[in-house]
Amino acid sequence: VRYSLNYVSWKMREQVAVDLKKIYSCATVDEAEQRLTEFE
């Protein structure tokens, strides 16, 4: 997550961090992959 946020402006970091959390807080791998697709 820290590595990912290095690419993000300070203004947008909080929102990007929230969307990344949606990926790693998923219950299953399939759900996490879906959230990653949405993030993309």
PDB file of all heavy atoms in Angstrom:
ATOM      1  N   VAL A   1       0.842  -1.204   0.000  1.00  0.00           N
ATOM      2  CA  VAL A   1       0.000   0.000   0.000  1.00  0.00           C
ATOM      3  C   VAL A   1       0.873   1.247   0.000  1.00  0.00           C
ATOM      4  O   VAL A   1       0.623   2.208  -0.739  1.00  0.00           O
ATOM      5  CB  VAL A   1      -0.954  -0.001   1.214  1.00  0.00           C
ATOM      6  CG1 VAL A   1      -1.656   1.353   1.351  1.00  0.00           C
ATOM      7  CG2 VAL A   1      -1.982  -1.119   1.092  1.00  0.00           C
ATOM      8  N   ARG A   2       1.932   1.230   0.833  1.00  0.00           N
ATOM      9  CA  ARG A   2       2.822   2.392   0.884  1.00  0.00           C
ATOM     10  C   ARG A   2       3.481   2.638  -0.475  1.00  0.00           C
ATOM     11  O   ARG A   2       3.567   3.777  -0.943  1.00  0.00           O
ATOM     12  CB  ARG A   2       3.898   2.180   1.949  1.00  0.00           C
ATOM     13  CG  ARG A   2       4.832   3.387   2.110  1.00  0.00           C
ATOM     14  CD  ARG A   2       6.087   3.017   2.862  1.00  0.00           C
ATOM     15  NE  ARG A   2       5.791   2.610   4.210  1.00  0.00           N
ATOM     16  CZ  ARG A   2       6.582   1.817   4.938  1.00  0.00           C
ATOM     17  NH1 ARG A   2       7.690   1.337   4.413  1.00  0.00           N
ATOM     18  NH2 ARG A   2       6.257   1.494   6.166  1.00  0.00           N
ATOM     19  N   TYR A   3       3.938   1.561  -1.100  1.00  0.00           N
ATOM     20  CA  TYR A   3       4.549   1.664  -2.428  1.00  0.00           C
ATOM     21  C   TYR A   3       3.540   2.243  -3.420  1.00  0.00           C
ATOM     22  O   TYR A   3       3.877   3.099  -4.254  1.00  0.00           O
ATOM     23  CB  TYR A   3       5.019   0.287  -2.874  1.00  0.00           C
ATOM     24  CG  TYR A   3       5.489   0.208  -4.308  1.00  0.00           C
ATOM     25  CD1 TYR A   3       6.774   0.619  -4.663  1.00  0.00           C
ATOM     26  CD2 TYR A   3       4.646  -0.274  -5.312  1.00  0.00           C
ATOM     27  CE1 TYR A   3       7.212   0.552  -5.981  1.00  0.00           C
ATOM     28  CE2 TYR A   3       5.074  -0.349  -6.634  1.00  0.00           C
ATOM     29  CZ  TYR A   3       6.355   0.071  -6.958  1.00  0.00           C
ATOM     30  OH  TYR A   3       6.770   0.002  -8.265  1.00  0.00           O
ATOM     31  N   SER A   4       2.306   1.790  -3.345  1.00  0.00           N
ATOM     32  CA  SER A   4       1.268   2.266  -4.263  1.00  0.00           C
ATOM     33  C   SER A   4       1.002   3.754  -4.084  1.00  0.00           C
ATOM     34  O   SER A   4       0.849   4.499  -5.063  1.00  0.00           O
ATOM     35  CB  SER A   4      -0.030   1.483  -4.025  1.00  0.00           C
ATOM     36  OG  SER A   4       0.155   0.097  -4.251  1.00  0.00           O
ATOM     37  N   LEU A   5       0.956   4.212  -2.852  1.00  0.00           N
ATOM     38  CA  LEU A   5       0.631   5.609  -2.577  1.00  0.00           C
ATOM     39  C   LEU A   5       1.755   6.561  -2.965  1.00  0.00           C
ATOM     40  O   LEU A   5       1.539   7.778  -3.045  1.00  0.00           O
ATOM     41  CB  LEU A   5       0.274   5.784  -1.094  1.00  0.00           C
ATOM     42  CG  LEU A   5      -1.014   5.084  -0.639  1.00  0.00           C
ATOM     43  CD1 LEU A   5      -1.243   5.295   0.854  1.00  0.00           C
ATOM     44  CD2 LEU A   5      -2.227   5.573  -1.428  1.00  0.00           C
ATOM     45  N   ASN A   6       2.943   6.026  -3.206  1.00  0.00           N
ATOM     46  CA  ASN A   6       4.045   6.882  -3.664  1.00  0.00           C
ATOM     47  C   ASN A   6       3.740   7.543  -5.006  1.00  0.00           C
ATOM     48  O   ASN A   6       4.309   8.578  -5.341  1.00  0.00           O
ATOM     49  CB  ASN A   6       5.339   6.068  -3.786  1.00  0.00           C
ATOM     50  CG  ASN A   6       5.963   5.769  -2.436  1.00  0.00           C
ATOM     51  OD1 ASN A   6       5.695   6.452  -1.453  1.00  0.00           O
ATOM     52  ND2 ASN A   6       6.796   4.747  -2.378  1.00  0.00           N
ATOM     53  N   TYR A   7       2.850   6.917  -5.779  1.00  0.00           N
ATOM     54  CA  TYR A   7       2.501   7.457  -7.100  1.00  0.00           C
ATOM     55  C   TYR A   7       1.388   8.508  -7.036  1.00  0.00           C
ATOM     56  O   TYR A   7       1.077   9.151  -8.037  1.00  0.00           O
ATOM     57  CB  TYR A   7       2.029   6.321  -8.022  1.00  0.00           C
ATOM     58  CG  TYR A   7       3.105   5.333  -8.372  1.00  0.00           C
ATOM     59  CD1 TYR A   7       3.193   4.106  -7.713  1.00  0.00           C
ATOM     60  CD2 TYR A   7       4.045   5.616  -9.362  1.00  0.00           C
ATOM     61  CE1 TYR A   7       4.186   3.194  -8.031  1.00  0.00           C
ATOM     62  CE2 TYR A   7       5.043   4.704  -9.687  1.00  0.00           C
ATOM     63  CZ  TYR A   7       5.110   3.496  -9.018  1.00  0.00           C
ATOM     64  OH  TYR A   7       6.098   2.596  -9.338  1.00  0.00           O
ATOM     65  N   VAL A   8       0.792   8.661  -5.860  1.00  0.00           N
ATOM     66  CA  VAL A   8      -0.437   9.447  -5.743  1.00  0.00           C
ATOM     67  C   VAL A   8      -0.160  10.809  -5.124  1.00  0.00           C
ATOM     68  O   VAL A   8       0.633  10.923  -4.183  1.00  0.00           O
ATOM     69  CB  VAL A   8      -1.476   8.677  -4.888  1.00  0.00           C
ATOM     70  CG1 VAL A   8      -2.800   9.438  -4.844  1.00  0.00           C
ATOM     71  CG2 VAL A   8      -1.686   7.275  -5.443  1.00  0.00           C
ATOM     72  N   SER A   9      -0.825  11.839  -5.640  1.00  0.00           N
ATOM     73  CA  SER A   9      -0.696  13.183  -5.061  1.00  0.00           C
ATOM     74  C   SER A   9      -1.300  13.193  -3.665  1.00  0.00           C
ATOM     75  O   SER A   9      -2.192  12.393  -3.341  1.00  0.00           O
ATOM     76  CB  SER A   9      -1.420  14.206  -5.952  1.00  0.00           C
ATOM     77  OG  SER A   9      -2.818  13.935  -5.971  1.00  0.00           O
ATOM     78  N   TRP A  10      -0.816  14.115  -2.836  1.00  0.00           N
ATOM     79  CA  TRP A  10      -1.313  14.199  -1.456  1.00  0.00           C
ATOM     80  C   TRP A  10      -2.826  14.379  -1.412  1.00  0.00           C
ATOM     81  O   TRP A  10      -3.509  13.828  -0.552  1.00  0.00           O
ATOM     82  CB  TRP A  10      -0.621  15.347  -0.720  1.00  0.00           C
ATOM     83  CG  TRP A  10       0.768  15.018  -0.293  1.00  0.00           C
ATOM     84  CD1 TRP A  10       1.928  15.424  -0.866  1.00  0.00           C
ATOM     85  CD2 TRP A  10       1.156  14.175   0.800  1.00  0.00           C
ATOM     86  NE1 TRP A  10       3.019  14.899  -0.215  1.00  0.00           N
ATOM     87  CE2 TRP A  10       2.568  14.131   0.827  1.00  0.00           C
ATOM     88  CE3 TRP A  10       0.436  13.449   1.754  1.00  0.00           C
ATOM     89  CZ2 TRP A  10       3.271  13.395   1.761  1.00  0.00           C
ATOM     90  CZ3 TRP A  10       1.152  12.717   2.702  1.00  0.00           C
ATOM     91  CH2 TRP A  10       2.544  12.687   2.699  1.00  0.00           C
ATOM     92  N   LYS A  11      -3.329  15.122  -2.345  1.00  0.00           N
ATOM     93  CA  LYS A  11      -4.762  15.440  -2.372  1.00  0.00           C
ATOM     94  C   LYS A  11      -5.612  14.183  -2.557  1.00  0.00           C
ATOM     95  O   LYS A  11      -6.712  14.078  -1.997  1.00  0.00           O
ATOM     96  CB  LYS A  11      -5.028  16.434  -3.501  1.00  0.00           C
ATOM     97  CG  LYS A  11      -6.460  16.916  -3.585  1.00  0.00           C
ATOM     98  CD  LYS A  11      -6.617  17.920  -4.717  1.00  0.00           C
ATOM     99  CE  LYS A  11      -8.067  18.389  -4.825  1.00  0.00           C
ATOM    100  NZ  LYS A  11      -8.235  19.354  -5.940  1.00  0.00           N
ATOM    101  N   MET A  12      -5.116  13.215  -3.316  1.00  0.00           N
ATOM    102  CA  MET A  12      -5.900  12.031  -3.653  1.00  0.00           C
ATOM    103  C   MET A  12      -5.529  10.791  -2.842  1.00  0.00           C
ATOM    104  O   MET A  12      -6.151   9.738  -2.993  1.00  0.00           O
ATOM    105  CB  MET A  12      -5.733  11.716  -5.146  1.00  0.00           C
ATOM    106  CG  MET A  12      -6.131  12.858  -6.076  1.00  0.00           C
ATOM    107  SD  MET A  12      -7.827  13.438  -5.770  1.00  0.00           S
ATOM    108  CE  MET A  12      -8.760  11.954  -6.153  1.00  0.00           C
ATOM    109  N   ARG A  13      -4.541  10.896  -1.980  1.00  0.00           N
ATOM    110  CA  ARG A  13      -4.053   9.700  -1.271  1.00  0.00           C
ATOM    111  C   ARG A  13      -5.124   9.020  -0.419  1.00  0.00           C
ATOM    112  O   ARG A  13      -5.215   7.796  -0.388  1.00  0.00           O
ATOM    113  CB  ARG A  13      -2.842  10.059  -0.401  1.00  0.00           C
ATOM    114  CG  ARG A  13      -1.558  10.142  -1.189  1.00  0.00           C
ATOM    115  CD  ARG A  13      -0.350  10.145  -0.295  1.00  0.00           C
ATOM    116  NE  ARG A  13       0.868  10.060  -1.085  1.00  0.00           N
ATOM    117  CZ  ARG A  13       2.071   9.824  -0.585  1.00  0.00           C
ATOM    118  NH1 ARG A  13       2.224   9.653   0.711  1.00  0.00           N
ATOM    119  NH2 ARG A  13       3.126   9.762  -1.371  1.00  0.00           N
ATOM    120  N   GLU A  14      -5.899   9.793   0.264  1.00  0.00           N
ATOM    121  CA  GLU A  14      -6.891   9.203   1.164  1.00  0.00           C
ATOM    122  C   GLU A  14      -7.902   8.365   0.383  1.00  0.00           C
ATOM    123  O   GLU A  14      -8.225   7.243   0.785  1.00  0.00           O
ATOM    124  CB  GLU A  14      -7.620  10.304   1.943  1.00  0.00           C
ATOM    125  CG  GLU A  14      -8.590   9.755   2.979  1.00  0.00           C
ATOM    126  CD  GLU A  14      -9.223  10.849   3.830  1.00  0.00           C
ATOM    127  OE1 GLU A  14      -8.796  12.018   3.715  1.00  0.00           O
ATOM    128  OE2 GLU A  14     -10.142  10.526   4.595  1.00  0.00           O
ATOM    129  N   GLN A  15      -8.373   8.874  -0.747  1.00  0.00           N
ATOM    130  CA  GLN A  15      -9.356   8.139  -1.536  1.00  0.00           C
ATOM    131  C   GLN A  15      -8.758   6.883  -2.156  1.00  0.00           C
ATOM    132  O   GLN A  15      -9.376   5.816  -2.169  1.00  0.00           O
ATOM    133  CB  GLN A  15      -9.927   9.036  -2.646  1.00  0.00           C
ATOM    134  CG  GLN A  15     -11.049   8.375  -3.458  1.00  0.00           C
ATOM    135  CD  GLN A  15     -12.203   7.894  -2.590  1.00  0.00           C
ATOM    136  OE1 GLN A  15     -12.746   8.669  -1.792  1.00  0.00           O
ATOM    137  NE2 GLN A  15     -12.584   6.633  -2.717  1.00  0.00           N
ATOM    138  N   VAL A  16      -7.515   6.994  -2.651  1.00  0.00           N
ATOM    139  CA  VAL A  16      -6.854   5.811  -3.230  1.00  0.00           C
ATOM    140  C   VAL A  16      -6.637   4.750  -2.147  1.00  0.00           C
ATOM    141  O   VAL A  16      -6.849   3.551  -2.384  1.00  0.00           O
ATOM    142  CB  VAL A  16      -5.515   6.198  -3.887  1.00  0.00           C
ATOM    143  CG1 VAL A  16      -4.739   4.950  -4.309  1.00  0.00           C
ATOM    144  CG2 VAL A  16      -5.759   7.096  -5.100  1.00  0.00           C
ATOM    145  N   ALA A  17      -6.229   5.180  -0.962  1.00  0.00           N
ATOM    146  CA  ALA A  17      -6.012   4.238   0.145  1.00  0.00           C
ATOM    147  C   ALA A  17      -7.308   3.519   0.510  1.00  0.00           C
ATOM    148  O   ALA A  17      -7.307   2.315   0.806  1.00  0.00           O
ATOM    149  CB  ALA A  17      -5.454   4.986   1.356  1.00  0.00           C
ATOM    150  N   VAL A  18      -8.424   4.249   0.489  1.00  0.00           N
ATOM    151  CA  VAL A  18      -9.733   3.647   0.778  1.00  0.00           C
ATOM    152  C   VAL A  18     -10.067   2.572  -0.252  1.00  0.00           C
ATOM    153  O   VAL A  18     -10.528   1.473   0.090  1.00  0.00           O
ATOM    154  CB  VAL A  18     -10.839   4.735   0.807  1.00  0.00           C
ATOM    155  CG1 VAL A  18     -12.228   4.090   0.822  1.00  0.00           C
ATOM    156  CG2 VAL A  18     -10.660   5.626   2.026  1.00  0.00           C
ATOM    157  N   ASP A  19      -9.814   2.869  -1.532  1.00  0.00           N
ATOM    158  CA  ASP A  19     -10.126   1.903  -2.589  1.00  0.00           C
ATOM    159  C   ASP A  19      -9.187   0.699  -2.555  1.00  0.00           C
ATOM    160  O   ASP A  19      -9.592  -0.426  -2.905  1.00  0.00           O
ATOM    161  CB  ASP A  19     -10.066   2.592  -3.955  1.00  0.00           C
ATOM    162  CG  ASP A  19     -11.262   3.521  -4.167  1.00  0.00           C
ATOM    163  OD1 ASP A  19     -12.210   3.461  -3.355  1.00  0.00           O
ATOM    164  OD2 ASP A  19     -11.244   4.317  -5.129  1.00  0.00           O
ATOM    165  N   LEU A  20      -7.935   0.909  -2.142  1.00  0.00           N
ATOM    166  CA  LEU A  20      -7.021  -0.229  -1.988  1.00  0.00           C
ATOM    167  C   LEU A  20      -7.464  -1.134  -0.839  1.00  0.00           C
ATOM    168  O   LEU A  20      -7.367  -2.361  -0.932  1.00  0.00           O
ATOM    169  CB  LEU A  20      -5.590   0.271  -1.742  1.00  0.00           C
ATOM    170  CG  LEU A  20      -4.851   0.861  -2.945  1.00  0.00           C
ATOM    171  CD1 LEU A  20      -3.527   1.467  -2.504  1.00  0.00           C
ATOM    172  CD2 LEU A  20      -4.611  -0.211  -4.017  1.00  0.00           C
ATOM    173  N   LYS A  21      -7.958  -0.532   0.212  1.00  0.00           N
ATOM    174  CA  LYS A  21      -8.427  -1.317   1.361  1.00  0.00           C
ATOM    175  C   LYS A  21      -9.594  -2.216   0.965  1.00  0.00           C
ATOM    176  O   LYS A  21      -9.763  -3.310   1.509  1.00  0.00           O
ATOM    177  CB  LYS A  21      -8.823  -0.395   2.508  1.00  0.00           C
ATOM    178  CG  LYS A  21      -9.132  -1.146   3.798  1.00  0.00           C
ATOM    179  CD  LYS A  21      -9.368  -0.204   4.969  1.00  0.00           C
ATOM    180  CE  LYS A  21      -9.618  -0.997   6.253  1.00  0.00           C
ATOM    181  NZ  LYS A  21      -9.834  -0.102   7.413  1.00  0.00           N
ATOM    182  N   LYS A  22     -10.394  -1.763   0.008  1.00  0.00           N
ATOM    183  CA  LYS A  22     -11.523  -2.586  -0.463  1.00  0.00           C
ATOM    184  C   LYS A  22     -11.022  -3.891  -1.065  1.00  0.00           C
ATOM    185  O   LYS A  22     -11.718  -4.902  -1.041  1.00  0.00           O
ATOM    186  CB  LYS A  22     -12.330  -1.809  -1.512  1.00  0.00           C
ATOM    187  CG  LYS A  22     -13.106  -0.619  -0.961  1.00  0.00           C
ATOM    188  CD  LYS A  22     -13.816   0.126  -2.088  1.00  0.00           C
ATOM    189  CE  LYS A  22     -14.537   1.374  -1.560  1.00  0.00           C
ATOM    190  NZ  LYS A  22     -15.180   2.133  -2.662  1.00  0.00           N
ATOM    191  N   ILE A  23      -9.788  -3.862  -1.607  1.00  0.00           N
ATOM    192  CA  ILE A  23      -9.218  -5.073  -2.210  1.00  0.00           C
ATOM    193  C   ILE A  23      -8.772  -6.041  -1.123  1.00  0.00           C
ATOM    194  O   ILE A  23      -9.186  -7.201  -1.086  1.00  0.00           O
ATOM    195  CB  ILE A  23      -8.018  -4.725  -3.122  1.00  0.00           C
ATOM    196  CG1 ILE A  23      -8.442  -3.755  -4.232  1.00  0.00           C
ATOM    197  CG2 ILE A  23      -7.416  -5.997  -3.715  1.00  0.00           C
ATOM    198  CD1 ILE A  23      -7.279  -3.212  -5.058  1.00  0.00           C
ATOM    199  N   TYR A  24      -7.893  -5.570  -0.194  1.00  0.00           N
ATOM    200  CA  TYR A  24      -7.319  -6.518   0.771  1.00  0.00           C
ATOM    201  C   TYR A  24      -8.230  -6.836   1.952  1.00  0.00           C
ATOM    202  O   TYR A  24      -7.902  -7.685   2.772  1.00  0.00           O
ATOM    203  CB  TYR A  24      -5.936  -6.064   1.250  1.00  0.00           C
ATOM    204  CG  TYR A  24      -5.866  -4.765   2.016  1.00  0.00           C
ATOM    205  CD1 TYR A  24      -6.189  -4.702   3.363  1.00  0.00           C
ATOM    206  CD2 TYR A  24      -5.419  -3.595   1.401  1.00  0.00           C
ATOM    207  CE1 TYR A  24      -6.093  -3.516   4.075  1.00  0.00           C
ATOM    208  CE2 TYR A  24      -5.312  -2.410   2.096  1.00  0.00           C
ATOM    209  CZ  TYR A  24      -5.650  -2.374   3.437  1.00  0.00           C
ATOM    210  OH  TYR A  24      -5.548  -1.194   4.137  1.00  0.00           O
ATOM    211  N   SER A  25      -9.387  -6.185   2.023  1.00  0.00           N
ATOM    212  CA  SER A  25     -10.334  -6.520   3.091  1.00  0.00           C
ATOM    213  C   SER A  25     -11.437  -7.464   2.606  1.00  0.00           C
ATOM    214  O   SER A  25     -12.361  -7.777   3.357  1.00  0.00           O
ATOM    215  CB  SER A  25     -10.961  -5.243   3.661  1.00  0.00           C
ATOM    216  OG  SER A  25     -11.657  -4.522   2.650  1.00  0.00           O
ATOM    217  N   CYS A  26     -11.320  -7.931   1.377  1.00  0.00           N
ATOM    218  CA  CYS A  26     -12.314  -8.857   0.829  1.00  0.00           C
ATOM    219  C   CYS A  26     -12.259 -10.210   1.547  1.00  0.00           C
ATOM    220  O   CYS A  26     -11.228 -10.602   2.096  1.00  0.00           O
ATOM    221  CB  CYS A  26     -12.083  -9.076  -0.667  1.00  0.00           C
ATOM    222  SG  CYS A  26     -12.524  -7.635  -1.672  1.00  0.00           S
ATOM    223  N   ALA A  27     -13.380 -10.927   1.468  1.00  0.00           N
ATOM    224  CA  ALA A  27     -13.455 -12.229   2.133  1.00  0.00           C
ATOM    225  C   ALA A  27     -12.799 -13.328   1.314  1.00  0.00           C
ATOM    226  O   ALA A  27     -12.274 -14.298   1.868  1.00  0.00           O
ATOM    227  CB  ALA A  27     -14.916 -12.582   2.403  1.00  0.00           C
ATOM    228  N   THR A  28     -12.813 -13.188  -0.023  1.00  0.00           N
ATOM    229  CA  THR A  28     -12.279 -14.252  -0.880  1.00  0.00           C
ATOM    230  C   THR A  28     -11.375 -13.669  -1.959  1.00  0.00           C
ATOM    231  O   THR A  28     -11.399 -12.469  -2.241  1.00  0.00           O
ATOM    232  CB  THR A  28     -13.418 -15.018  -1.569  1.00  0.00           C
ATOM    233  OG1 THR A  28     -14.095 -14.124  -2.471  1.00  0.00           O
ATOM    234  CG2 THR A  28     -14.409 -15.569  -0.546  1.00  0.00           C
ATOM    235  N   VAL A  29     -10.607 -14.556  -2.596  1.00  0.00           N
ATOM    236  CA  VAL A  29      -9.726 -14.143  -3.686  1.00  0.00           C
ATOM    237  C   VAL A  29     -10.541 -13.627  -4.867  1.00  0.00           C
ATOM    238  O   VAL A  29     -10.197 -12.605  -5.483  1.00  0.00           O
ATOM    239  CB  VAL A  29      -8.840 -15.321  -4.147  1.00  0.00           C
ATOM    240  CG1 VAL A  29      -8.020 -14.930  -5.369  1.00  0.00           C
ATOM    241  CG2 VAL A  29      -7.912 -15.763  -3.029  1.00  0.00           C
ATOM    242  N   ASP A  30     -11.639 -14.316  -5.186  1.00  0.00           N
ATOM    243  CA  ASP A  30     -12.474 -13.900  -6.323  1.00  0.00           C
ATOM    244  C   ASP A  30     -13.021 -12.495  -6.118  1.00  0.00           C
ATOM    245  O   ASP A  30     -13.024 -11.669  -7.047  1.00  0.00           O
ATOM    246  CB  ASP A  30     -13.620 -14.890  -6.523  1.00  0.00           C
ATOM    247  CG  ASP A  30     -13.140 -16.244  -7.022  1.00  0.00           C
ATOM    248  OD1 ASP A  30     -12.001 -16.299  -7.549  1.00  0.00           O
ATOM    249  OD2 ASP A  30     -13.881 -17.236  -6.871  1.00  0.00           O
ATOM    250  N   GLU A  31     -13.489 -12.235  -4.907  1.00  0.00           N
ATOM    251  CA  GLU A  31     -14.030 -10.899  -4.613  1.00  0.00           C
ATOM    252  C   GLU A  31     -12.924  -9.853  -4.685  1.00  0.00           C
ATOM    253  O   GLU A  31     -13.124  -8.744  -5.207  1.00  0.00           O
ATOM    254  CB  GLU A  31     -14.670 -10.897  -3.220  1.00  0.00           C
ATOM    255  CG  GLU A  31     -15.339  -9.573  -2.875  1.00  0.00           C
ATOM    256  CD  GLU A  31     -15.843  -9.525  -1.441  1.00  0.00           C
ATOM    257  OE1 GLU A  31     -15.814 -10.574  -0.748  1.00  0.00           O
ATOM    258  OE2 GLU A  31     -16.244  -8.428  -0.994  1.00  0.00           O
ATOM    259  N   ALA A  32     -11.732 -10.198  -4.188  1.00  0.00           N
ATOM    260  CA  ALA A  32     -10.602  -9.264  -4.214  1.00  0.00           C
ATOM    261  C   ALA A  32     -10.207  -8.945  -5.658  1.00  0.00           C
ATOM    262  O   ALA A  32      -9.892  -7.793  -5.988  1.00  0.00           O
ATOM    263  CB  ALA A  32      -9.415  -9.868  -3.462  1.00  0.00           C
ATOM    264  N   GLU A  33     -10.239  -9.957  -6.525  1.00  0.00           N
ATOM    265  CA  GLU A  33      -9.884  -9.721  -7.921  1.00  0.00           C
ATOM    266  C   GLU A  33     -10.900  -8.805  -8.597  1.00  0.00           C
ATOM    267  O   GLU A  33     -10.545  -7.972  -9.433  1.00  0.00           O
ATOM    268  CB  GLU A  33      -9.771 -11.050  -8.656  1.00  0.00           C
ATOM    269  CG  GLU A  33      -9.092 -10.918  -9.998  1.00  0.00           C
ATOM    270  CD  GLU A  33      -8.364 -12.186 -10.428  1.00  0.00           C
ATOM    271  OE1 GLU A  33      -8.553 -13.242  -9.780  1.00  0.00           O
ATOM    272  OE2 GLU A  33      -7.606 -12.113 -11.405  1.00  0.00           O
ATOM    273  N   GLN A  34     -12.177  -8.967  -8.217  1.00  0.00           N
ATOM    274  CA  GLN A  34     -13.204  -8.085  -8.755  1.00  0.00           C
ATOM    275  C   GLN A  34     -12.970  -6.642  -8.322  1.00  0.00           C
ATOM    276  O   GLN A  34     -13.092  -5.706  -9.118  1.00  0.00           O
ATOM    277  CB  GLN A  34     -14.591  -8.570  -8.288  1.00  0.00           C
ATOM    278  CG  GLN A  34     -15.753  -7.690  -8.722  1.00  0.00           C
ATOM    279  CD  GLN A  34     -15.865  -7.574 -10.239  1.00  0.00           C
ATOM    280  OE1 GLN A  34     -15.603  -8.545 -10.957  1.00  0.00           O
ATOM    281  NE2 GLN A  34     -16.219  -6.391 -10.732  1.00  0.00           N
ATOM    282  N   ARG A  35     -12.598  -6.478  -7.041  1.00  0.00           N
ATOM    283  CA  ARG A  35     -12.330  -5.123  -6.528  1.00  0.00           C
ATOM    284  C   ARG A  35     -11.098  -4.525  -7.214  1.00  0.00           C
ATOM    285  O   ARG A  35     -11.041  -3.323  -7.463  1.00  0.00           O
ATOM    286  CB  ARG A  35     -12.107  -5.163  -5.013  1.00  0.00           C
ATOM    287  CG  ARG A  35     -13.360  -5.506  -4.224  1.00  0.00           C
ATOM    288  CD  ARG A  35     -14.340  -4.340  -4.208  1.00  0.00           C
ATOM    289  NE  ARG A  35     -15.554  -4.682  -3.485  1.00  0.00           N
ATOM    290  CZ  ARG A  35     -16.651  -5.189  -4.038  1.00  0.00           C
ATOM    291  NH1 ARG A  35     -16.680  -5.423  -5.355  1.00  0.00           N
ATOM    292  NH2 ARG A  35     -17.704  -5.473  -3.313  1.00  0.00           N
ATOM    293  N   LEU A  36     -10.119  -5.361  -7.531  1.00  0.00           N
ATOM    294  CA  LEU A  36      -8.931  -4.879  -8.235  1.00  0.00           C
ATOM    295  C   LEU A  36      -9.303  -4.409  -9.643  1.00  0.00           C
ATOM    296  O   LEU A  36      -8.793  -3.381 -10.125  1.00  0.00           O
ATOM    297  CB  LEU A  36      -7.869  -5.976  -8.292  1.00  0.00           C
ATOM    298  CG  LEU A  36      -6.570  -5.627  -9.024  1.00  0.00           C
ATOM    299  CD1 LEU A  36      -5.916  -4.378  -8.438  1.00  0.00           C
ATOM    300  CD2 LEU A  36      -5.591  -6.804  -8.975  1.00  0.00           C
ATOM    301  N   THR A  37     -10.198  -5.136 -10.285  1.00  0.00           N
ATOM    302  CA  THR A  37     -10.667  -4.732 -11.612  1.00  0.00           C
ATOM    303  C   THR A  37     -11.377  -3.376 -11.535  1.00  0.00           C
ATOM    304  O   THR A  37     -11.188  -2.500 -12.395  1.00  0.00           O
ATOM    305  CB  THR A  37     -11.623  -5.793 -12.191  1.00  0.00           C
ATOM    306  OG1 THR A  37     -10.932  -7.044 -12.281  1.00  0.00           O
ATOM    307  CG2 THR A  37     -12.120  -5.387 -13.568  1.00  0.00           C
ATOM    308  N   GLU A  38     -12.182  -3.195 -10.489  1.00  0.00           N
ATOM    309  CA  GLU A  38     -12.881  -1.918 -10.288  1.00  0.00           C
ATOM    310  C   GLU A  38     -11.865  -0.799 -10.015  1.00  0.00           C
ATOM    311  O   GLU A  38     -12.042   0.336 -10.474  1.00  0.00           O
ATOM    312  CB  GLU A  38     -13.867  -2.039  -9.130  1.00  0.00           C
ATOM    313  CG  GLU A  38     -15.032  -2.978  -9.421  1.00  0.00           C
ATOM    314  CD  GLU A  38     -15.883  -3.248  -8.187  1.00  0.00           C
ATOM    315  OE1 GLU A  38     -15.577  -2.664  -7.102  1.00  0.00           O
ATOM    316  OE2 GLU A  38     -16.845  -4.050  -8.280  1.00  0.00           O
ATOM    317  N   PHE A  39     -10.813  -1.129  -9.271  1.00  0.00           N
ATOM    318  CA  PHE A  39      -9.773  -0.141  -8.984  1.00  0.00           C
ATOM    319  C   PHE A  39      -9.085   0.296 -10.284  1.00  0.00           C
ATOM    320  O   PHE A  39      -8.811   1.486 -10.494  1.00  0.00           O
ATOM    321  CB  PHE A  39      -8.745  -0.727  -8.011  1.00  0.00           C
ATOM    322  CG  PHE A  39      -7.662   0.242  -7.601  1.00  0.00           C
ATOM    323  CD1 PHE A  39      -7.796   1.026  -6.467  1.00  0.00           C
ATOM    324  CD2 PHE A  39      -6.502   0.383  -8.362  1.00  0.00           C
ATOM    325  CE1 PHE A  39      -6.809   1.922  -6.099  1.00  0.00           C
ATOM    326  CE2 PHE A  39      -5.506   1.274  -7.996  1.00  0.00           C
ATOM    327  CZ  PHE A  39      -5.662   2.051  -6.861  1.00  0.00           C
ATOM    328  N   GLU A  40      -8.812  -0.666 -11.152  1.00  0.00           N
ATOM    329  CA  GLU A  40      -8.173  -0.357 -12.432  1.00  0.00           C
ATOM    330  C   GLU A  40      -9.036   0.599 -13.255  1.00  0.00           C
ATOM    331  O   GLU A  40      -8.536   1.562 -13.848  1.00  0.00           O
ATOM    332  CB  GLU A  40      -7.933  -1.651 -13.216  1.00  0.00           C
ATOM    333  CG  GLU A  40      -6.821  -2.509 -12.636  1.00  0.00           C
ATOM    334  CD  GLU A  40      -6.738  -3.876 -13.287  1.00  0.00           C
ATOM    335  OE1 GLU A  40      -7.799  -4.437 -13.636  1.00  0.00           O
ATOM    336  OE2 GLU A  40      -5.609  -4.389 -13.444  1.00  0.00           O
TER     337      GLU A  40
END
